[in-house]
Amino acid sequence: MYEEYYAKDSFVHIVEKNIDLKQVVNTNKCLIHLEKHGDKLLIISCIDNLLKGASGQAVHNMNLMFNLEETVGLRLKPSAF
């Protein structure tokens, strides 16, 4: 259900392995890892709050307002990998 919902999203990714903070530092990504434990679902998400926070959101909104591709200026690689 999560994979289908986020399939077309540019910045949200569902990952199979547990998340390492290094995967999102200096990026606009949001990584989500799901683990099923019996009848419960553990949802782990990770973002870089500096870039995915207000500054990244401002660039993302500007891109949308000016009919630019939403990823312009935001396709950044993690600095640790």
C-alpha atoms as a PDB file:
ATOM      1  CA  MET A   1       0.000   0.000   0.000  1.00  0.00           C
ATOM      2  CA  TYR A   2       2.806   2.444   0.894  1.00  0.00           C
ATOM      3  CA  GLU A   3       4.847   1.587  -2.201  1.00  0.00           C
ATOM      4  CA  GLU A   4       1.831   2.172  -4.432  1.00  0.00           C
ATOM      5  CA  TYR A   5       0.972   5.484  -2.728  1.00  0.00           C
ATOM      6  CA  TYR A   6       4.510   6.910  -3.039  1.00  0.00           C
ATOM      7  CA  ALA A   7       5.393   5.329  -6.410  1.00  0.00           C
ATOM      8  CA  LYS A   8       5.284   8.635  -8.321  1.00  0.00           C
ATOM      9  CA  ASP A   9       6.709  10.830  -5.558  1.00  0.00           C
ATOM     10  CA  SER A  10      10.077  12.395  -6.374  1.00  0.00           C
ATOM     11  CA  PHE A  11      11.461  12.521  -2.855  1.00  0.00           C
ATOM     12  CA  VAL A  12       9.753   9.831  -0.754  1.00  0.00           C
ATOM     13  CA  HIS A  13      11.180   6.334  -1.105  1.00  0.00           C
ATOM     14  CA  ILE A  14      10.196   3.074   0.562  1.00  0.00           C
ATOM     15  CA  VAL A  15      13.336   1.070   1.401  1.00  0.00           C
ATOM     16  CA  GLU A  16      13.746  -2.611   2.256  1.00  0.00           C
ATOM     17  CA  LYS A  17      16.734  -2.289   4.606  1.00  0.00           C
ATOM     18  CA  ASN A  18      16.799  -0.340   7.852  1.00  0.00           C
ATOM     19  CA  ILE A  19      17.651   3.340   7.284  1.00  0.00           C
ATOM     20  CA  ASP A  20      21.016   4.908   8.009  1.00  0.00           C
ATOM     21  CA  LEU A  21      21.036   8.659   8.629  1.00  0.00           C
ATOM     22  CA  LYS A  22      23.918   8.978   6.144  1.00  0.00           C
ATOM     23  CA  GLN A  23      21.472   8.105   3.351  1.00  0.00           C
ATOM     24  CA  VAL A  24      19.558  11.389   3.749  1.00  0.00           C
ATOM     25  CA  VAL A  25      22.088  13.949   5.032  1.00  0.00           C
ATOM     26  CA  ASN A  26      22.252  16.915   2.616  1.00  0.00           C
ATOM     27  CA  THR A  27      19.365  15.607   0.513  1.00  0.00           C
ATOM     28  CA  ASN A  28      15.684  16.380   0.128  1.00  0.00           C
ATOM     29  CA  LYS A  29      14.803  12.687   0.505  1.00  0.00           C
ATOM     30  CA  CYS A  30      12.415  11.088   2.928  1.00  0.00           C
ATOM     31  CA  LEU A  31      13.152   7.394   3.385  1.00  0.00           C
ATOM     32  CA  ILE A  32      10.532   5.094   4.891  1.00  0.00           C
ATOM     33  CA  HIS A  33      11.196   1.583   6.180  1.00  0.00           C
ATOM     34  CA  LEU A  34       8.322  -0.689   7.190  1.00  0.00           C
ATOM     35  CA  GLU A  35       8.534  -3.690   9.517  1.00  0.00           C
ATOM     36  CA  LYS A  36       5.650  -5.959  10.402  1.00  0.00           C
ATOM     37  CA  HIS A  37       5.691  -7.367  13.943  1.00  0.00           C
ATOM     38  CA  GLY A  38       2.730  -9.670  14.428  1.00  0.00           C
ATOM     39  CA  ASP A  39      -0.368  -7.565  13.900  1.00  0.00           C
ATOM     40  CA  LYS A  40       1.515  -4.273  14.306  1.00  0.00           C
ATOM     41  CA  LEU A  41       3.389  -2.176  11.742  1.00  0.00           C
ATOM     42  CA  LEU A  42       6.562  -0.307  12.711  1.00  0.00           C
ATOM     43  CA  ILE A  43       7.118   2.702  10.443  1.00  0.00           C
ATOM     44  CA  ILE A  44      10.575   4.288  10.455  1.00  0.00           C
ATOM     45  CA  SER A  45      11.132   7.487   8.488  1.00  0.00           C
ATOM     46  CA  CYS A  46      14.229   9.609   8.122  1.00  0.00           C
ATOM     47  CA  ILE A  47      14.843  13.103   6.709  1.00  0.00           C
ATOM     48  CA  ASP A  48      17.519  15.779   6.887  1.00  0.00           C
ATOM     49  CA  ASN A  49      15.520  18.453   8.691  1.00  0.00           C
ATOM     50  CA  LEU A  50      17.738  21.248   7.352  1.00  0.00           C
ATOM     51  CA  LEU A  51      17.203  20.513   3.686  1.00  0.00           C
ATOM     52  CA  LYS A  52      13.900  18.638   3.787  1.00  0.00           C
ATOM     53  CA  GLY A  53      12.690  21.257   6.255  1.00  0.00           C
ATOM     54  CA  ALA A  54      11.873  24.874   5.493  1.00  0.00           C
ATOM     55  CA  SER A  55      14.589  25.619   2.930  1.00  0.00           C
ATOM     56  CA  GLY A  56      13.934  22.549   0.787  1.00  0.00           C
ATOM     57  CA  GLN A  57      10.192  23.106   1.052  1.00  0.00           C
ATOM     58  CA  ALA A  58      10.613  26.707  -0.120  1.00  0.00           C
ATOM     59  CA  VAL A  59      12.553  25.606  -3.212  1.00  0.00           C
ATOM     60  CA  HIS A  60      10.029  22.841  -3.891  1.00  0.00           C
ATOM     61  CA  ASN A  61       7.105  25.301  -3.609  1.00  0.00           C
ATOM     62  CA  MET A  62       8.861  27.833  -5.855  1.00  0.00           C
ATOM     63  CA  ASN A  63       9.372  25.127  -8.490  1.00  0.00           C
ATOM     64  CA  LEU A  64       5.667  24.302  -8.402  1.00  0.00           C
ATOM     65  CA  MET A  65       4.620  27.974  -8.496  1.00  0.00           C
ATOM     66  CA  PHE A  66       6.743  28.673 -11.581  1.00  0.00           C
ATOM     67  CA  ASN A  67       5.775  25.432 -13.356  1.00  0.00           C
ATOM     68  CA  LEU A  68       9.299  24.042 -13.114  1.00  0.00           C
ATOM     69  CA  GLU A  69      10.065  20.377 -12.597  1.00  0.00           C
ATOM     70  CA  GLU A  70       9.595  19.873  -8.855  1.00  0.00           C
ATOM     71  CA  THR A  71      13.077  18.403  -8.449  1.00  0.00           C
ATOM     72  CA  VAL A  72      15.015  21.406  -9.851  1.00  0.00           C
ATOM     73  CA  GLY A  73      17.751  22.349  -7.388  1.00  0.00           C
ATOM     74  CA  LEU A  74      16.820  19.500  -5.067  1.00  0.00           C
ATOM     75  CA  ARG A  75      18.377  16.397  -6.640  1.00  0.00           C
ATOM     76  CA  LEU A  76      21.289  16.199  -4.252  1.00  0.00           C
ATOM     77  CA  LYS A  77      23.416  13.202  -3.309  1.00  0.00           C
ATOM     78  CA  PRO A  78      24.089  12.277   0.306  1.00  0.00           C
ATOM     79  CA  SER A  79      27.446  13.607   1.412  1.00  0.00           C
ATOM     80  CA  ALA A  80      28.429  10.377   3.190  1.00  0.00           C
ATOM     81  CA  PHE A  81      28.020   8.014   0.219  1.00  0.00           C
END
